[in-house]
Amino acid sequence: MALSDIPLFGMLRERMHWVQARQSVLSQNVANAHTPGFTAQDVRETDFRNVLKNSTSGQLQMVSTRAGHLSGSPTTSSTGRSFSTMDAPDSETSANGNSVVLEEQMMKVAENQMDYQTATTLYTKGLGMLRTAVTGRGSS
């Protein structure tokens, strides 16, 4: 069993991929803040309820695993997934047709950074819980 087979870690990894894609789109918005006719973009957020519903069938079952299941084997699930972008014009449009407001974009970047930090913190805490479960002692 790979670490990504655990639903919590799969969802967190998916969230980090989404945050990374959003950061790329937001940085393009900032870079084109003065480009005539440019419309701000954003990444369509994944519906968490559907992800949760698809990752668990409503009940969890204990499963025995093979020796060495934490060997770090490569996984193919959700890596390289593409996220869809959408037009997301800010509150103002300039005379040249540009709809990027730098202040609003920077607030979105800060929000995105907090989302990433939250996901990495949860990932780290989850790894700590697994380490405690496997070794019987907490990390120091």
C-alpha atoms as a PDB file:
ATOM      1  CA  MET A   1       0.000   0.000   0.000  1.00  0.00           C
ATOM      2  CA  ALA A   2       1.439   3.315  -1.045  1.00  0.00           C
ATOM      3  CA  LEU A   3       1.057   6.428   1.070  1.00  0.00           C
ATOM      4  CA  SER A   4      -1.146   7.970  -1.630  1.00  0.00           C
ATOM      5  CA  ASP A   5      -3.607   5.075  -1.266  1.00  0.00           C
ATOM      6  CA  ILE A   6      -4.651   6.491   2.109  1.00  0.00           C
ATOM      7  CA  PRO A   7      -7.606   8.815   1.335  1.00  0.00           C
ATOM      8  CA  LEU A   8      -6.410  11.644   3.586  1.00  0.00           C
ATOM      9  CA  PHE A   9      -3.010  11.829   1.891  1.00  0.00           C
ATOM     10  CA  GLY A  10      -4.513  11.490  -1.576  1.00  0.00           C
ATOM     11  CA  MET A  11      -6.878  14.406  -0.941  1.00  0.00           C
ATOM     12  CA  LEU A  12      -4.114  16.545   0.556  1.00  0.00           C
ATOM     13  CA  ARG A  13      -1.840  15.829  -2.390  1.00  0.00           C
ATOM     14  CA  GLU A  14      -4.676  16.720  -4.764  1.00  0.00           C
ATOM     15  CA  ARG A  15      -5.222  19.969  -2.861  1.00  0.00           C
ATOM     16  CA  MET A  16      -1.525  20.839  -3.106  1.00  0.00           C
ATOM     17  CA  HIS A  17      -1.619  20.221  -6.872  1.00  0.00           C
ATOM     18  CA  TRP A  18      -4.647  22.519  -7.133  1.00  0.00           C
ATOM     19  CA  VAL A  19      -2.917  25.233  -5.090  1.00  0.00           C
ATOM     20  CA  GLN A  20       0.165  24.945  -7.307  1.00  0.00           C
ATOM     21  CA  ALA A  21      -1.949  25.316 -10.466  1.00  0.00           C
ATOM     22  CA  ARG A  22      -3.766  28.302  -8.958  1.00  0.00           C
ATOM     23  CA  GLN A  23      -0.473  29.972  -8.029  1.00  0.00           C
ATOM     24  CA  SER A  24       0.642  29.696 -11.639  1.00  0.00           C
ATOM     25  CA  VAL A  25      -2.587  31.290 -12.919  1.00  0.00           C
ATOM     26  CA  LEU A  26      -2.492  34.071 -10.322  1.00  0.00           C
ATOM     27  CA  SER A  27       1.117  34.887 -11.179  1.00  0.00           C
ATOM     28  CA  GLN A  28       0.118  35.163 -14.856  1.00  0.00           C
ATOM     29  CA  ASN A  29      -2.637  37.585 -13.834  1.00  0.00           C
ATOM     30  CA  VAL A  30      -0.137  39.744 -11.971  1.00  0.00           C
ATOM     31  CA  ALA A  31       2.318  39.602 -14.872  1.00  0.00           C
ATOM     32  CA  ASN A  32      -0.413  40.791 -17.268  1.00  0.00           C
ATOM     33  CA  ALA A  33      -1.797  43.511 -15.003  1.00  0.00           C
ATOM     34  CA  HIS A  34      -1.110  46.169 -17.638  1.00  0.00           C
ATOM     35  CA  THR A  35      -1.775  44.146 -20.801  1.00  0.00           C
ATOM     36  CA  PRO A  36      -4.635  45.745 -22.761  1.00  0.00           C
ATOM     37  CA  GLY A  37      -7.711  43.519 -22.966  1.00  0.00           C
ATOM     38  CA  PHE A  38      -6.409  40.881 -20.556  1.00  0.00           C
ATOM     39  CA  THR A  39      -9.074  39.170 -18.438  1.00  0.00           C
ATOM     40  CA  ALA A  40      -8.056  37.808 -15.058  1.00  0.00           C
ATOM     41  CA  GLN A  41      -8.242  34.027 -14.708  1.00  0.00           C
ATOM     42  CA  ASP A  42      -8.680  31.676 -11.777  1.00  0.00           C
ATOM     43  CA  VAL A  43      -8.656  27.911 -11.338  1.00  0.00           C
ATOM     44  CA  ARG A  44     -11.961  26.169 -10.821  1.00  0.00           C
ATOM     45  CA  GLU A  45     -11.967  24.701  -7.326  1.00  0.00           C
ATOM     46  CA  THR A  46     -12.500  20.984  -6.879  1.00  0.00           C
ATOM     47  CA  ASP A  47     -15.754  20.104  -5.130  1.00  0.00           C
ATOM     48  CA  PHE A  48     -14.556  18.669  -1.810  1.00  0.00           C
ATOM     49  CA  ARG A  49     -17.776  16.730  -1.181  1.00  0.00           C
ATOM     50  CA  ASN A  50     -17.406  14.803  -4.439  1.00  0.00           C
ATOM     51  CA  VAL A  51     -13.746  14.069  -3.747  1.00  0.00           C
ATOM     52  CA  LEU A  52     -14.601  12.809  -0.268  1.00  0.00           C
ATOM     53  CA  LYS A  53     -17.523  10.746  -1.555  1.00  0.00           C
ATOM     54  CA  ASN A  54     -15.336   9.160  -4.265  1.00  0.00           C
ATOM     55  CA  SER A  55     -12.445   8.429  -1.915  1.00  0.00           C
ATOM     56  CA  THR A  56     -14.504   6.617   0.733  1.00  0.00           C
ATOM     57  CA  SER A  57     -17.492   4.403   0.258  1.00  0.00           C
ATOM     58  CA  GLY A  58     -19.028   5.514   3.523  1.00  0.00           C
ATOM     59  CA  GLN A  59     -17.339   2.873   5.610  1.00  0.00           C
ATOM     60  CA  LEU A  60     -13.720   2.153   6.292  1.00  0.00           C
ATOM     61  CA  GLN A  61     -12.394  -1.366   6.525  1.00  0.00           C
ATOM     62  CA  MET A  62      -9.183  -2.632   8.051  1.00  0.00           C
ATOM     63  CA  VAL A  63      -6.973  -4.334   5.510  1.00  0.00           C
ATOM     64  CA  SER A  64      -3.811  -6.318   6.121  1.00  0.00           C
ATOM     65  CA  THR A  65      -0.838  -5.121   4.128  1.00  0.00           C
ATOM     66  CA  ARG A  66       2.308  -6.759   2.894  1.00  0.00           C
ATOM     67  CA  ALA A  67       5.733  -6.291   4.419  1.00  0.00           C
ATOM     68  CA  GLY A  68       7.522  -3.199   3.145  1.00  0.00           C
ATOM     69  CA  HIS A  69       4.306  -1.427   2.167  1.00  0.00           C
ATOM     70  CA  LEU A  70       5.879   1.931   3.011  1.00  0.00           C
ATOM     71  CA  SER A  71       8.700   1.424   0.546  1.00  0.00           C
ATOM     72  CA  GLY A  72       7.880   4.540  -1.462  1.00  0.00           C
ATOM     73  CA  SER A  73       6.762   2.871  -4.664  1.00  0.00           C
ATOM     74  CA  PRO A  74       5.781   5.317  -7.397  1.00  0.00           C
ATOM     75  CA  THR A  75       2.092   6.113  -7.687  1.00  0.00           C
ATOM     76  CA  THR A  76       0.081   7.042 -10.737  1.00  0.00           C
ATOM     77  CA  SER A  77      -3.036   8.475  -9.140  1.00  0.00           C
ATOM     78  CA  SER A  78      -3.794  12.152  -9.782  1.00  0.00           C
ATOM     79  CA  THR A  79      -0.238  13.184 -10.644  1.00  0.00           C
ATOM     80  CA  GLY A  80      -0.186  15.446 -13.633  1.00  0.00           C
ATOM     81  CA  ARG A  81      -3.883  16.199 -13.350  1.00  0.00           C
ATOM     82  CA  SER A  82      -4.899  19.344 -15.142  1.00  0.00           C
ATOM     83  CA  PHE A  83      -7.285  21.819 -13.589  1.00  0.00           C
ATOM     84  CA  SER A  84      -9.649  23.952 -15.623  1.00  0.00           C
ATOM     85  CA  THR A  85      -9.347  27.727 -15.584  1.00  0.00           C
ATOM     86  CA  MET A  86     -12.150  30.218 -15.902  1.00  0.00           C
ATOM     87  CA  ASP A  87     -12.447  33.917 -16.503  1.00  0.00           C
ATOM     88  CA  ALA A  88     -12.581  35.676 -13.145  1.00  0.00           C
ATOM     89  CA  PRO A  89     -12.501  39.418 -13.779  1.00  0.00           C
ATOM     90  CA  ASP A  90     -11.771  41.524 -10.738  1.00  0.00           C
ATOM     91  CA  SER A  91     -14.067  44.261  -9.455  1.00  0.00           C
ATOM     92  CA  GLU A  92     -12.831  46.891 -11.924  1.00  0.00           C
ATOM     93  CA  THR A  93     -11.969  47.029 -15.598  1.00  0.00           C
ATOM     94  CA  SER A  94      -9.541  49.668 -16.804  1.00  0.00           C
ATOM     95  CA  ALA A  95     -10.067  51.883 -19.850  1.00  0.00           C
ATOM     96  CA  ASN A  96      -7.876  49.560 -21.948  1.00  0.00           C
ATOM     97  CA  GLY A  97     -10.090  46.534 -21.124  1.00  0.00           C
ATOM     98  CA  ASN A  98      -7.782  44.964 -18.548  1.00  0.00           C
ATOM     99  CA  SER A  99      -9.682  43.393 -15.646  1.00  0.00           C
ATOM    100  CA  VAL A 100      -6.759  42.733 -13.282  1.00  0.00           C
ATOM    101  CA  VAL A 101      -6.701  44.626  -9.973  1.00  0.00           C
ATOM    102  CA  LEU A 102      -3.315  44.020  -8.357  1.00  0.00           C
ATOM    103  CA  GLU A 103      -4.625  44.381  -4.800  1.00  0.00           C
ATOM    104  CA  GLU A 104      -7.278  41.702  -5.364  1.00  0.00           C
ATOM    105  CA  GLN A 105      -4.770  39.386  -7.017  1.00  0.00           C
ATOM    106  CA  MET A 106      -2.331  39.787  -4.128  1.00  0.00           C
ATOM    107  CA  MET A 107      -5.130  38.927  -1.662  1.00  0.00           C
ATOM    108  CA  LYS A 108      -5.821  35.764  -3.683  1.00  0.00           C
ATOM    109  CA  VAL A 109      -2.100  34.921  -3.644  1.00  0.00           C
ATOM    110  CA  ALA A 110      -2.018  35.309   0.157  1.00  0.00           C
ATOM    111  CA  GLU A 111      -5.130  33.123   0.497  1.00  0.00           C
ATOM    112  CA  ASN A 112      -3.526  30.551  -1.781  1.00  0.00           C
ATOM    113  CA  GLN A 113      -0.367  30.565   0.332  1.00  0.00           C
ATOM    114  CA  MET A 114      -2.427  29.932   3.484  1.00  0.00           C
ATOM    115  CA  ASP A 115      -4.222  27.038   1.754  1.00  0.00           C
ATOM    116  CA  TYR A 116      -0.872  25.490   0.841  1.00  0.00           C
ATOM    117  CA  GLN A 117       0.506  25.919   4.364  1.00  0.00           C
ATOM    118  CA  THR A 118      -2.633  24.331   5.813  1.00  0.00           C
ATOM    119  CA  ALA A 119      -2.349  21.337   3.482  1.00  0.00           C
ATOM    120  CA  THR A 120       1.348  20.821   4.232  1.00  0.00           C
ATOM    121  CA  THR A 121       0.719  21.100   7.980  1.00  0.00           C
ATOM    122  CA  LEU A 122      -2.062  18.503   7.795  1.00  0.00           C
ATOM    123  CA  TYR A 123       0.171  16.254   5.671  1.00  0.00           C
ATOM    124  CA  THR A 124       3.000  16.543   8.220  1.00  0.00           C
ATOM    125  CA  LYS A 125       0.633  15.833  11.138  1.00  0.00           C
ATOM    126  CA  GLY A 126      -0.766  12.810   9.291  1.00  0.00           C
ATOM    127  CA  LEU A 127       2.736  11.459   8.724  1.00  0.00           C
ATOM    128  CA  GLY A 128       3.454  11.962  12.415  1.00  0.00           C
ATOM    129  CA  MET A 129       0.358   9.959  13.335  1.00  0.00           C
ATOM    130  CA  LEU A 130       1.411   7.166  10.979  1.00  0.00           C
ATOM    131  CA  ARG A 131       4.912   7.190  12.432  1.00  0.00           C
ATOM    132  CA  THR A 132       3.449   6.910  15.926  1.00  0.00           C
ATOM    133  CA  ALA A 133       1.165   4.049  14.848  1.00  0.00           C
ATOM    134  CA  VAL A 134       4.012   2.133  13.199  1.00  0.00           C
ATOM    135  CA  THR A 135       6.773   2.691  15.758  1.00  0.00           C
ATOM    136  CA  GLY A 136       4.678   3.083  18.900  1.00  0.00           C
ATOM    137  CA  ARG A 137       6.340   6.360  19.849  1.00  0.00           C
ATOM    138  CA  GLY A 138       5.910   9.950  18.766  1.00  0.00           C
ATOM    139  CA  SER A 139       8.376  11.976  16.751  1.00  0.00           C
ATOM    140  CA  SER A 140      10.791  14.179  18.698  1.00  0.00           C
END
